[in-house]
Amino acid sequence: EFVAAGKQLPSKVMADSIEEALEFTFTKMPDGNTLGAKFIKFTEAVGPFGGPIGTAAFPFARFMVNAIKFQYDFSLPNALGGIYRIASSTHYSKLAKAAKTVEEKGKLNQKALAQMKEAREDIAQGVVGTAALAAAVKYRQENQDVKFYEYRADDGTIGDLRPFFPLAPYLAIADLIVKTNNNDLSKLNVKEVISTVAGVQARTGTSSFILDNFGEAFIA
């Protein structure tokens, strides 16, 4: 609309567009002083000369943090957190009814509404993610003859699902669940599972060395 009219985009529209683009591409800097934000800042500050830390080990730290956050958001624990938020919202509503001033009542009601809004979002995302994981577990139970990130087409050819995030992470966790239930962990490729779930590019270099050693310790 603005471009068609030959007008300059308002700064807020531009800022919102950039924010959405960063979020969609999993390169957004986490808000506040969270653990993820601290990890990104530390990794980028160390740079490529930190050995088992820094960008040499984790060249795509922002993608890692955002990918892990996405997987948590769309998981059962987040849905349970949403249920807790409902209880918290109810608590604030009760406090609001007992408040002595209009100002205090308004603040408490706002907190109750905010908690309920976040609860709905958390539960919705958690249910979707849990359903996806259940489907992934069923798929891996029936397809243990191919790697967790592979699929077999109707013509028998094997394809790679890793480029299609978040399919591969769900399948990686599902494969871990299935192999654990089958007492078949010796066949689990720990390096591939961790690198897929965490979003680590670990084919070569420092990050590959770290995951190789972690995988050996896990299986041992």
C-alpha atoms as a PDB file:
ATOM      1  CA  GLU A   1       0.000   0.000   0.000  1.00  0.00           C
ATOM      2  CA  PHE A   2       2.758   2.442   0.972  1.00  0.00           C
ATOM      3  CA  VAL A   3       4.963   1.398  -1.944  1.00  0.00           C
ATOM      4  CA  ALA A   4       2.076   1.699  -4.424  1.00  0.00           C
ATOM      5  CA  ALA A   5       1.353   5.198  -3.133  1.00  0.00           C
ATOM      6  CA  GLY A   6       5.011   6.162  -3.399  1.00  0.00           C
ATOM      7  CA  LYS A   7       5.235   6.799   0.337  1.00  0.00           C
ATOM      8  CA  GLN A   8       7.998   5.872   2.739  1.00  0.00           C
ATOM      9  CA  LEU A   9       7.304   3.014   5.097  1.00  0.00           C
ATOM     10  CA  PRO A  10       6.664   4.177   8.680  1.00  0.00           C
ATOM     11  CA  SER A  11       9.497   3.236  11.025  1.00  0.00           C
ATOM     12  CA  LYS A  12       7.160   1.093  13.172  1.00  0.00           C
ATOM     13  CA  VAL A  13       6.005  -0.939  10.154  1.00  0.00           C
ATOM     14  CA  MET A  14       9.617  -1.437   9.111  1.00  0.00           C
ATOM     15  CA  ALA A  15      10.670  -2.452  12.645  1.00  0.00           C
ATOM     16  CA  ASP A  16       7.761  -4.905  12.955  1.00  0.00           C
ATOM     17  CA  SER A  17       8.610  -6.419   9.559  1.00  0.00           C
ATOM     18  CA  ILE A  18      12.246  -6.926  10.556  1.00  0.00           C
ATOM     19  CA  GLU A  19      11.189  -8.454  13.880  1.00  0.00           C
ATOM     20  CA  GLU A  20       8.845 -10.911  12.148  1.00  0.00           C
ATOM     21  CA  ALA A  21      11.515 -11.815   9.586  1.00  0.00           C
ATOM     22  CA  LEU A  22      14.052 -12.546  12.334  1.00  0.00           C
ATOM     23  CA  GLU A  23      11.525 -14.640  14.235  1.00  0.00           C
ATOM     24  CA  PHE A  24      10.448 -16.569  11.120  1.00  0.00           C
ATOM     25  CA  THR A  25      14.069 -17.379  10.194  1.00  0.00           C
ATOM     26  CA  PHE A  26      15.015 -18.331  13.795  1.00  0.00           C
ATOM     27  CA  THR A  27      17.641 -15.587  14.025  1.00  0.00           C
ATOM     28  CA  LYS A  28      15.890 -13.348  16.553  1.00  0.00           C
ATOM     29  CA  MET A  29      17.801 -12.283  19.659  1.00  0.00           C
ATOM     30  CA  PRO A  30      15.864 -13.554  22.696  1.00  0.00           C
ATOM     31  CA  ASP A  31      14.190 -10.885  24.783  1.00  0.00           C
ATOM     32  CA  GLY A  32      15.485  -9.858  28.194  1.00  0.00           C
ATOM     33  CA  ASN A  33      18.319 -11.433  30.136  1.00  0.00           C
ATOM     34  CA  THR A  34      17.369 -15.067  29.545  1.00  0.00           C
ATOM     35  CA  LEU A  35      19.771 -18.002  29.511  1.00  0.00           C
ATOM     36  CA  GLY A  36      19.451 -18.189  25.721  1.00  0.00           C
ATOM     37  CA  ALA A  37      20.320 -14.514  25.329  1.00  0.00           C
ATOM     38  CA  LYS A  38      23.334 -14.911  27.609  1.00  0.00           C
ATOM     39  CA  PHE A  39      24.533 -17.926  25.628  1.00  0.00           C
ATOM     40  CA  ILE A  40      24.295 -16.038  22.328  1.00  0.00           C
ATOM     41  CA  LYS A  41      26.068 -12.959  23.693  1.00  0.00           C
ATOM     42  CA  PHE A  42      28.846 -15.070  25.219  1.00  0.00           C
ATOM     43  CA  THR A  43      29.306 -17.167  22.065  1.00  0.00           C
ATOM     44  CA  GLU A  44      29.438 -14.133  19.785  1.00  0.00           C
ATOM     45  CA  ALA A  45      31.770 -12.293  22.180  1.00  0.00           C
ATOM     46  CA  VAL A  46      34.258 -15.204  22.264  1.00  0.00           C
ATOM     47  CA  GLY A  47      34.251 -15.434  18.478  1.00  0.00           C
ATOM     48  CA  PRO A  48      35.981 -18.155  16.431  1.00  0.00           C
ATOM     49  CA  PHE A  49      38.981 -18.618  18.717  1.00  0.00           C
ATOM     50  CA  GLY A  50      37.356 -20.199  21.765  1.00  0.00           C
ATOM     51  CA  GLY A  51      38.105 -23.879  21.139  1.00  0.00           C
ATOM     52  CA  PRO A  52      35.103 -25.850  22.445  1.00  0.00           C
ATOM     53  CA  ILE A  53      33.160 -22.611  22.950  1.00  0.00           C
ATOM     54  CA  GLY A  54      32.451 -19.550  20.832  1.00  0.00           C
ATOM     55  CA  THR A  55      31.418 -19.419  17.186  1.00  0.00           C
ATOM     56  CA  ALA A  56      33.987 -22.075  16.234  1.00  0.00           C
ATOM     57  CA  ALA A  57      31.916 -24.630  18.116  1.00  0.00           C
ATOM     58  CA  PHE A  58      28.505 -22.996  17.640  1.00  0.00           C
ATOM     59  CA  PRO A  59      28.530 -20.947  14.415  1.00  0.00           C
ATOM     60  CA  PHE A  60      24.727 -20.556  14.392  1.00  0.00           C
ATOM     61  CA  ALA A  61      24.022 -19.865  18.062  1.00  0.00           C
ATOM     62  CA  ARG A  62      20.918 -17.779  17.371  1.00  0.00           C
ATOM     63  CA  PHE A  63      19.335 -20.509  15.279  1.00  0.00           C
ATOM     64  CA  MET A  64      20.164 -23.057  18.003  1.00  0.00           C
ATOM     65  CA  VAL A  65      18.504 -21.046  20.757  1.00  0.00           C
ATOM     66  CA  ASN A  66      15.434 -20.187  18.680  1.00  0.00           C
ATOM     67  CA  ALA A  67      15.041 -23.784  17.477  1.00  0.00           C
ATOM     68  CA  ILE A  68      15.205 -25.152  21.024  1.00  0.00           C
ATOM     69  CA  LYS A  69      12.704 -22.532  22.199  1.00  0.00           C
ATOM     70  CA  PHE A  70      10.344 -23.478  19.361  1.00  0.00           C
ATOM     71  CA  GLN A  71      10.521 -27.152  20.303  1.00  0.00           C
ATOM     72  CA  TYR A  72       9.827 -26.345  23.953  1.00  0.00           C
ATOM     73  CA  ASP A  73       6.882 -24.112  23.006  1.00  0.00           C
ATOM     74  CA  PHE A  74       5.366 -26.958  20.995  1.00  0.00           C
ATOM     75  CA  SER A  75       5.736 -29.642  23.648  1.00  0.00           C
ATOM     76  CA  LEU A  76       3.801 -31.230  26.515  1.00  0.00           C
ATOM     77  CA  PRO A  77       5.757 -29.345  29.247  1.00  0.00           C
ATOM     78  CA  ASN A  78       4.620 -26.039  27.750  1.00  0.00           C
ATOM     79  CA  ALA A  79       1.000 -27.221  27.756  1.00  0.00           C
ATOM     80  CA  LEU A  80       1.371 -28.119  31.433  1.00  0.00           C
ATOM     81  CA  GLY A  81       2.816 -24.666  32.012  1.00  0.00           C
ATOM     82  CA  GLY A  82      -0.306 -23.250  30.380  1.00  0.00           C
ATOM     83  CA  ILE A  83      -2.490 -25.138  32.853  1.00  0.00           C
ATOM     84  CA  TYR A  84      -0.445 -23.609  35.665  1.00  0.00           C
ATOM     85  CA  ARG A  85      -1.031 -20.161  34.144  1.00  0.00           C
ATOM     86  CA  ILE A  86      -4.788 -20.764  34.276  1.00  0.00           C
ATOM     87  CA  ALA A  87      -4.476 -21.380  38.015  1.00  0.00           C
ATOM     88  CA  SER A  88      -2.379 -18.229  38.304  1.00  0.00           C
ATOM     89  CA  SER A  89      -4.999 -16.244  36.384  1.00  0.00           C
ATOM     90  CA  THR A  90      -7.721 -17.510  38.727  1.00  0.00           C
ATOM     91  CA  HIS A  91      -5.597 -16.493  41.705  1.00  0.00           C
ATOM     92  CA  TYR A  92      -5.176 -12.936  40.385  1.00  0.00           C
ATOM     93  CA  SER A  93      -8.919 -12.706  39.724  1.00  0.00           C
ATOM     94  CA  LYS A  94      -9.656 -13.653  43.335  1.00  0.00           C
ATOM     95  CA  LEU A  95      -7.162 -11.069  44.565  1.00  0.00           C
ATOM     96  CA  ALA A  96      -8.795  -8.456  42.342  1.00  0.00           C
ATOM     97  CA  LYS A  97     -12.196  -9.117  43.908  1.00  0.00           C
ATOM     98  CA  ALA A  98     -10.704  -8.565  47.353  1.00  0.00           C
ATOM     99  CA  ALA A  99      -8.747  -5.457  46.332  1.00  0.00           C
ATOM    100  CA  LYS A 100      -9.528  -2.305  48.302  1.00  0.00           C
ATOM    101  CA  THR A 101      -8.822   0.293  45.603  1.00  0.00           C
ATOM    102  CA  VAL A 102      -9.933   0.622  41.989  1.00  0.00           C
ATOM    103  CA  GLU A 103      -6.321   1.018  40.855  1.00  0.00           C
ATOM    104  CA  GLU A 104      -5.200  -2.179  42.567  1.00  0.00           C
ATOM    105  CA  LYS A 105      -8.243  -4.059  41.242  1.00  0.00           C
ATOM    106  CA  GLY A 106      -7.441  -2.900  37.685  1.00  0.00           C
ATOM    107  CA  LYS A 107      -3.794  -4.014  37.885  1.00  0.00           C
ATOM    108  CA  LEU A 108      -4.731  -7.434  39.214  1.00  0.00           C
ATOM    109  CA  ASN A 109      -7.413  -7.924  36.562  1.00  0.00           C
ATOM    110  CA  GLN A 110      -4.871  -7.011  33.871  1.00  0.00           C
ATOM    111  CA  LYS A 111      -2.467  -9.618  35.255  1.00  0.00           C
ATOM    112  CA  ALA A 112      -5.270 -12.196  35.277  1.00  0.00           C
ATOM    113  CA  LEU A 113      -6.123 -11.449  31.627  1.00  0.00           C
ATOM    114  CA  ALA A 114      -2.452 -11.587  30.588  1.00  0.00           C
ATOM    115  CA  GLN A 115      -1.964 -14.944  32.317  1.00  0.00           C
ATOM    116  CA  MET A 116      -5.092 -16.375  30.683  1.00  0.00           C
ATOM    117  CA  LYS A 117      -3.998 -15.169  27.241  1.00  0.00           C
ATOM    118  CA  GLU A 118      -0.581 -16.796  27.619  1.00  0.00           C
ATOM    119  CA  ALA A 119      -2.213 -19.940  29.013  1.00  0.00           C
ATOM    120  CA  ARG A 120      -4.388 -20.370  25.924  1.00  0.00           C
ATOM    121  CA  GLU A 121      -1.392 -19.927  23.636  1.00  0.00           C
ATOM    122  CA  ASP A 122       0.819 -22.306  25.654  1.00  0.00           C
ATOM    123  CA  ILE A 123      -1.834 -25.033  25.782  1.00  0.00           C
ATOM    124  CA  ALA A 124      -2.643 -24.717  22.070  1.00  0.00           C
ATOM    125  CA  GLN A 125       1.013 -24.926  21.072  1.00  0.00           C
ATOM    126  CA  GLY A 126       1.671 -27.757  23.511  1.00  0.00           C
ATOM    127  CA  VAL A 127      -1.230 -29.840  22.203  1.00  0.00           C
ATOM    128  CA  VAL A 128      -0.091 -29.385  18.591  1.00  0.00           C
ATOM    129  CA  GLY A 129       3.487 -30.314  19.461  1.00  0.00           C
ATOM    130  CA  THR A 130       2.455 -33.345  21.523  1.00  0.00           C
ATOM    131  CA  ALA A 131       0.284 -34.589  18.670  1.00  0.00           C
ATOM    132  CA  ALA A 132       3.211 -34.136  16.269  1.00  0.00           C
ATOM    133  CA  LEU A 133       5.507 -36.109  18.576  1.00  0.00           C
ATOM    134  CA  ALA A 134       2.930 -38.902  18.918  1.00  0.00           C
ATOM    135  CA  ALA A 135       2.698 -39.133  15.127  1.00  0.00           C
ATOM    136  CA  ALA A 136       6.493 -39.144  14.889  1.00  0.00           C
ATOM    137  CA  VAL A 137       6.752 -41.982  17.428  1.00  0.00           C
ATOM    138  CA  LYS A 138       4.237 -44.059  15.429  1.00  0.00           C
ATOM    139  CA  TYR A 139       6.176 -43.378  12.224  1.00  0.00           C
ATOM    140  CA  ARG A 140       9.512 -44.389  13.787  1.00  0.00           C
ATOM    141  CA  GLN A 141       7.984 -47.564  15.257  1.00  0.00           C
ATOM    142  CA  GLU A 142       6.970 -48.590  11.752  1.00  0.00           C
ATOM    143  CA  ASN A 143      10.136 -47.428   9.969  1.00  0.00           C
ATOM    144  CA  GLN A 144      13.168 -48.489  11.982  1.00  0.00           C
ATOM    145  CA  ASP A 145      14.858 -49.711   8.801  1.00  0.00           C
ATOM    146  CA  VAL A 146      15.643 -46.122   7.722  1.00  0.00           C
ATOM    147  CA  LYS A 147      17.416 -43.315   9.571  1.00  0.00           C
ATOM    148  CA  PHE A 148      15.219 -41.081  11.699  1.00  0.00           C
ATOM    149  CA  TYR A 149      15.560 -38.145   9.316  1.00  0.00           C
ATOM    150  CA  GLU A 150      14.745 -40.190   6.220  1.00  0.00           C
ATOM    151  CA  TYR A 151      11.453 -41.083   4.595  1.00  0.00           C
ATOM    152  CA  ARG A 152      10.519 -43.642   1.983  1.00  0.00           C
ATOM    153  CA  ALA A 153       8.502 -42.389  -0.970  1.00  0.00           C
ATOM    154  CA  ASP A 154       5.830 -44.445  -2.709  1.00  0.00           C
ATOM    155  CA  ASP A 155       8.323 -45.513  -5.375  1.00  0.00           C
ATOM    156  CA  GLY A 156      10.754 -46.767  -2.730  1.00  0.00           C
ATOM    157  CA  THR A 157      13.272 -43.947  -2.965  1.00  0.00           C
ATOM    158  CA  ILE A 158      14.708 -42.484   0.260  1.00  0.00           C
ATOM    159  CA  GLY A 159      14.480 -38.751   0.964  1.00  0.00           C
ATOM    160  CA  ASP A 160      16.042 -36.471   3.586  1.00  0.00           C
ATOM    161  CA  LEU A 161      13.704 -34.561   5.939  1.00  0.00           C
ATOM    162  CA  ARG A 162      16.383 -32.499   7.740  1.00  0.00           C
ATOM    163  CA  PRO A 163      15.847 -29.376   5.606  1.00  0.00           C
ATOM    164  CA  PHE A 164      12.175 -29.321   6.655  1.00  0.00           C
ATOM    165  CA  PHE A 165      12.257 -27.953  10.186  1.00  0.00           C
ATOM    166  CA  PRO A 166      10.754 -28.975  12.600  1.00  0.00           C
ATOM    167  CA  LEU A 167      10.061 -32.459  11.196  1.00  0.00           C
ATOM    168  CA  ALA A 168      13.544 -33.829  11.847  1.00  0.00           C
ATOM    169  CA  PRO A 169      13.742 -32.791  15.545  1.00  0.00           C
ATOM    170  CA  TYR A 170      10.410 -34.470  16.329  1.00  0.00           C
ATOM    171  CA  LEU A 171      11.565 -37.610  14.515  1.00  0.00           C
ATOM    172  CA  ALA A 172      14.895 -37.533  16.383  1.00  0.00           C
ATOM    173  CA  ILE A 173      13.165 -37.458  19.778  1.00  0.00           C
ATOM    174  CA  ALA A 174      10.697 -40.095  18.585  1.00  0.00           C
ATOM    175  CA  ASP A 175      13.553 -42.350  17.515  1.00  0.00           C
ATOM    176  CA  LEU A 176      15.134 -41.987  20.960  1.00  0.00           C
ATOM    177  CA  ILE A 177      11.818 -42.966  22.590  1.00  0.00           C
ATOM    178  CA  VAL A 178      11.317 -45.968  20.301  1.00  0.00           C
ATOM    179  CA  LYS A 179      14.867 -47.271  20.668  1.00  0.00           C
ATOM    180  CA  THR A 180      14.679 -46.837  24.449  1.00  0.00           C
ATOM    181  CA  ASN A 181      11.448 -48.860  24.587  1.00  0.00           C
ATOM    182  CA  ASN A 182      13.012 -51.519  22.332  1.00  0.00           C
ATOM    183  CA  ASN A 183      16.219 -51.664  24.422  1.00  0.00           C
ATOM    184  CA  ASP A 184      18.062 -50.787  21.231  1.00  0.00           C
ATOM    185  CA  LEU A 185      20.006 -47.674  22.245  1.00  0.00           C
ATOM    186  CA  SER A 186      23.239 -49.135  20.875  1.00  0.00           C
ATOM    187  CA  LYS A 187      21.924 -48.359  17.386  1.00  0.00           C
ATOM    188  CA  LEU A 188      21.120 -44.734  18.272  1.00  0.00           C
ATOM    189  CA  ASN A 189      23.322 -42.118  16.606  1.00  0.00           C
ATOM    190  CA  VAL A 190      23.579 -39.723  19.540  1.00  0.00           C
ATOM    191  CA  LYS A 191      25.570 -37.145  17.582  1.00  0.00           C
ATOM    192  CA  GLU A 192      22.911 -36.899  14.877  1.00  0.00           C
ATOM    193  CA  VAL A 193      20.066 -36.748  17.416  1.00  0.00           C
ATOM    194  CA  ILE A 194      21.663 -33.952  19.456  1.00  0.00           C
ATOM    195  CA  SER A 195      22.758 -31.953  16.427  1.00  0.00           C
ATOM    196  CA  THR A 196      19.262 -32.227  14.928  1.00  0.00           C
ATOM    197  CA  VAL A 197      17.365 -31.296  18.095  1.00  0.00           C
ATOM    198  CA  ALA A 198      19.763 -28.502  19.086  1.00  0.00           C
ATOM    199  CA  GLY A 199      20.226 -27.182  15.560  1.00  0.00           C
ATOM    200  CA  VAL A 200      24.009 -27.646  15.662  1.00  0.00           C
ATOM    201  CA  GLN A 201      25.818 -27.824  12.329  1.00  0.00           C
ATOM    202  CA  ALA A 202      28.281 -30.526  13.345  1.00  0.00           C
ATOM    203  CA  ARG A 203      29.515 -32.310  10.238  1.00  0.00           C
ATOM    204  CA  THR A 204      33.113 -31.210  10.808  1.00  0.00           C
ATOM    205  CA  GLY A 205      35.211 -29.044  13.100  1.00  0.00           C
ATOM    206  CA  THR A 206      35.047 -28.279  16.815  1.00  0.00           C
ATOM    207  CA  SER A 207      31.313 -28.846  17.246  1.00  0.00           C
ATOM    208  CA  SER A 208      31.620 -32.242  15.553  1.00  0.00           C
ATOM    209  CA  PHE A 209      34.441 -33.215  17.937  1.00  0.00           C
ATOM    210  CA  ILE A 210      32.377 -32.178  20.990  1.00  0.00           C
ATOM    211  CA  LEU A 211      29.316 -34.147  19.909  1.00  0.00           C
ATOM    212  CA  ASP A 212      31.371 -37.195  18.970  1.00  0.00           C
ATOM    213  CA  ASN A 213      32.836 -37.349  22.472  1.00  0.00           C
ATOM    214  CA  PHE A 214      29.465 -36.701  24.110  1.00  0.00           C
ATOM    215  CA  GLY A 215      27.898 -39.461  22.047  1.00  0.00           C
ATOM    216  CA  GLU A 216      30.590 -41.939  23.052  1.00  0.00           C
ATOM    217  CA  ALA A 217      30.086 -41.076  26.733  1.00  0.00           C
ATOM    218  CA  PHE A 218      26.296 -41.465  26.379  1.00  0.00           C
ATOM    219  CA  ILE A 219      26.457 -44.909  24.816  1.00  0.00           C
ATOM    220  CA  ALA A 220      29.277 -46.169  27.068  1.00  0.00           C
END
